[in-house]
């Protein structure tokens, strides 16, 4: 009986930690998106795409928050590289358009710079 009680308390404690972590992450994501969405749109609007065109980023199909930029050529064990934080630490606001072949814009919140890549 005592073992069952200990197991139940351990499960409840684990559920509480997971719920708090999830709420914290969702709140932080919402706060970052609301704080940097307009800056990301402005930076993406002024950055030309690889084809040379300036797509209309004012009404993106989706706005997401990701950590790190996957197109930076740095490995996880290369901690001494000056580009390591951009690859694994910096938050990026990612804007995508409706079209399937449309470019994707990633706004680096720390650097304050937009990177437009073709898909």
Protein backbone atom coordinates (compact mmCIF):
# COMPACT_ATOMS: atom_id res chain seq x y z
CA UNK A 1 0.00 0.00 0.00
CA UNK A 2 2.82 2.40 0.85
CA UNK A 3 4.65 1.60 -2.41
CA UNK A 4 1.51 2.44 -4.40
CA UNK A 5 1.21 5.75 -2.59
CA UNK A 6 4.85 6.63 -3.30
CA UNK A 7 4.47 5.69 -6.97
CA UNK A 8 1.28 7.76 -7.24
CA UNK A 9 2.98 10.78 -5.65
CA UNK A 10 5.96 10.40 -7.97
CA UNK A 11 3.63 10.31 -10.99
CA UNK A 12 1.79 13.39 -9.78
CA UNK A 13 5.07 15.24 -9.24
CA UNK A 14 6.23 14.29 -12.75
CA UNK A 15 2.92 15.43 -14.25
CA UNK A 16 3.20 18.74 -12.41
CA UNK A 17 6.72 19.36 -13.70
CA UNK A 18 5.72 18.52 -17.27
CA UNK A 19 2.65 20.78 -17.09
CA UNK A 20 4.68 23.70 -15.70
CA UNK A 21 7.36 23.26 -18.36
CA UNK A 22 4.76 23.16 -21.13
CA UNK A 23 3.00 26.28 -19.83
CA UNK A 24 6.32 28.13 -19.51
CA UNK A 25 7.38 27.23 -23.06
CA UNK A 26 4.03 28.20 -24.56
CA UNK A 27 4.03 31.50 -22.67
CA UNK A 28 7.59 32.30 -23.69
CA UNK A 29 6.83 31.47 -27.32
CA UNK A 30 3.73 33.64 -27.32
CA UNK A 31 5.60 36.53 -25.70
CA UNK A 32 8.51 36.36 -28.15
CA UNK A 33 6.20 36.14 -31.16
CA UNK A 34 4.09 39.08 -30.04
CA UNK A 35 7.20 41.14 -29.27
CA UNK A 36 9.16 40.41 -32.45
CA UNK A 37 6.53 39.65 -35.13
CA UNK A 38 6.38 43.21 -36.47
CA UNK A 39 10.18 43.58 -36.45
CA UNK A 40 10.51 40.28 -38.31
CA UNK A 41 7.98 41.36 -40.95
CA UNK A 42 9.77 44.69 -41.46
CA UNK A 43 13.21 43.04 -41.71
CA UNK A 44 11.96 40.34 -44.07
CA UNK A 45 10.23 42.91 -46.24
CA UNK A 46 13.49 44.82 -46.75
CA UNK A 47 15.58 41.70 -47.46
CA UNK A 48 15.48 40.45 -51.08
CA UNK A 49 14.93 36.76 -51.76
CA UNK A 50 17.61 34.66 -53.51
CA UNK A 51 15.73 35.21 -56.81
CA UNK A 52 16.04 38.98 -56.35
CA UNK A 53 12.33 39.61 -55.81
CA UNK A 54 10.80 41.22 -52.74
CA UNK A 55 7.87 39.03 -51.66
CA UNK A 56 5.06 40.54 -49.63
CA UNK A 57 5.73 39.44 -46.03
CA UNK A 58 3.04 41.62 -44.43
CA UNK A 59 0.53 38.75 -44.41
CA UNK A 60 2.49 35.53 -43.83
CA UNK A 61 0.70 32.19 -43.92
CA UNK A 62 2.42 31.09 -40.72
CA UNK A 63 4.62 32.61 -38.05
CA UNK A 64 6.63 30.22 -35.90
CA UNK A 65 9.41 30.41 -33.35
CA UNK A 66 12.41 28.09 -33.64
CA UNK A 67 15.70 27.90 -31.81
CA UNK A 68 18.75 27.94 -34.04
CA UNK A 69 19.25 28.23 -37.78
CA UNK A 70 19.74 24.86 -39.44
CA UNK A 71 21.52 26.26 -42.51
CA UNK A 72 24.58 27.39 -40.50
CA UNK A 73 27.40 24.90 -41.06
CA UNK A 74 28.48 24.28 -37.46
CA UNK A 75 28.50 20.97 -35.60
CA UNK A 76 27.23 20.69 -32.03
CA UNK A 77 30.69 19.84 -30.68
CA UNK A 78 32.30 22.97 -32.24
CA UNK A 79 31.68 25.13 -29.20
CA UNK A 80 34.55 27.49 -30.04
CA UNK A 81 32.99 28.57 -33.33
CA UNK A 82 31.66 32.13 -33.35
CA UNK A 83 28.64 30.91 -35.36
CA UNK A 84 27.67 28.24 -32.79
CA UNK A 85 25.11 30.46 -30.96
CA UNK A 86 23.37 31.33 -34.23
CA UNK A 87 23.06 27.62 -35.02
CA UNK A 88 21.98 26.32 -31.60
CA UNK A 89 20.95 29.20 -29.27
CA UNK A 90 19.42 32.19 -31.02
CA UNK A 91 15.63 32.34 -31.28
CA UNK A 92 14.34 32.88 -34.82
CA UNK A 93 10.91 34.05 -35.96
CA UNK A 94 10.11 32.06 -39.12
CA UNK A 95 7.71 33.54 -41.66
CA UNK A 96 6.29 31.43 -44.50
CA UNK A 97 4.04 32.42 -47.38
CA UNK A 98 1.09 30.55 -48.91
CA UNK A 99 2.83 29.25 -51.99
CA UNK A 100 4.66 25.92 -51.81
CA UNK A 101 7.78 27.18 -53.63
CA UNK A 102 7.81 30.54 -51.83
CA UNK A 103 10.88 31.64 -49.89
CA UNK A 104 11.10 31.34 -46.12
CA UNK A 105 12.29 34.22 -43.96
CA UNK A 106 14.05 33.62 -40.65
CA UNK A 107 14.49 36.65 -38.39
CA UNK A 108 17.27 36.27 -35.84
CA UNK A 109 16.00 37.96 -32.67
CA UNK A 110 19.49 38.40 -31.16
CA UNK A 111 21.20 39.73 -34.30
CA UNK A 112 18.15 41.66 -35.51
CA UNK A 113 18.73 40.39 -39.04
CA UNK A 114 16.55 38.54 -41.54
CA UNK A 115 17.69 35.60 -43.68
CA UNK A 116 15.56 34.72 -46.72
CA UNK A 117 16.06 31.26 -48.23
CA UNK A 118 14.37 29.63 -51.20
CA UNK A 119 12.49 26.40 -50.63
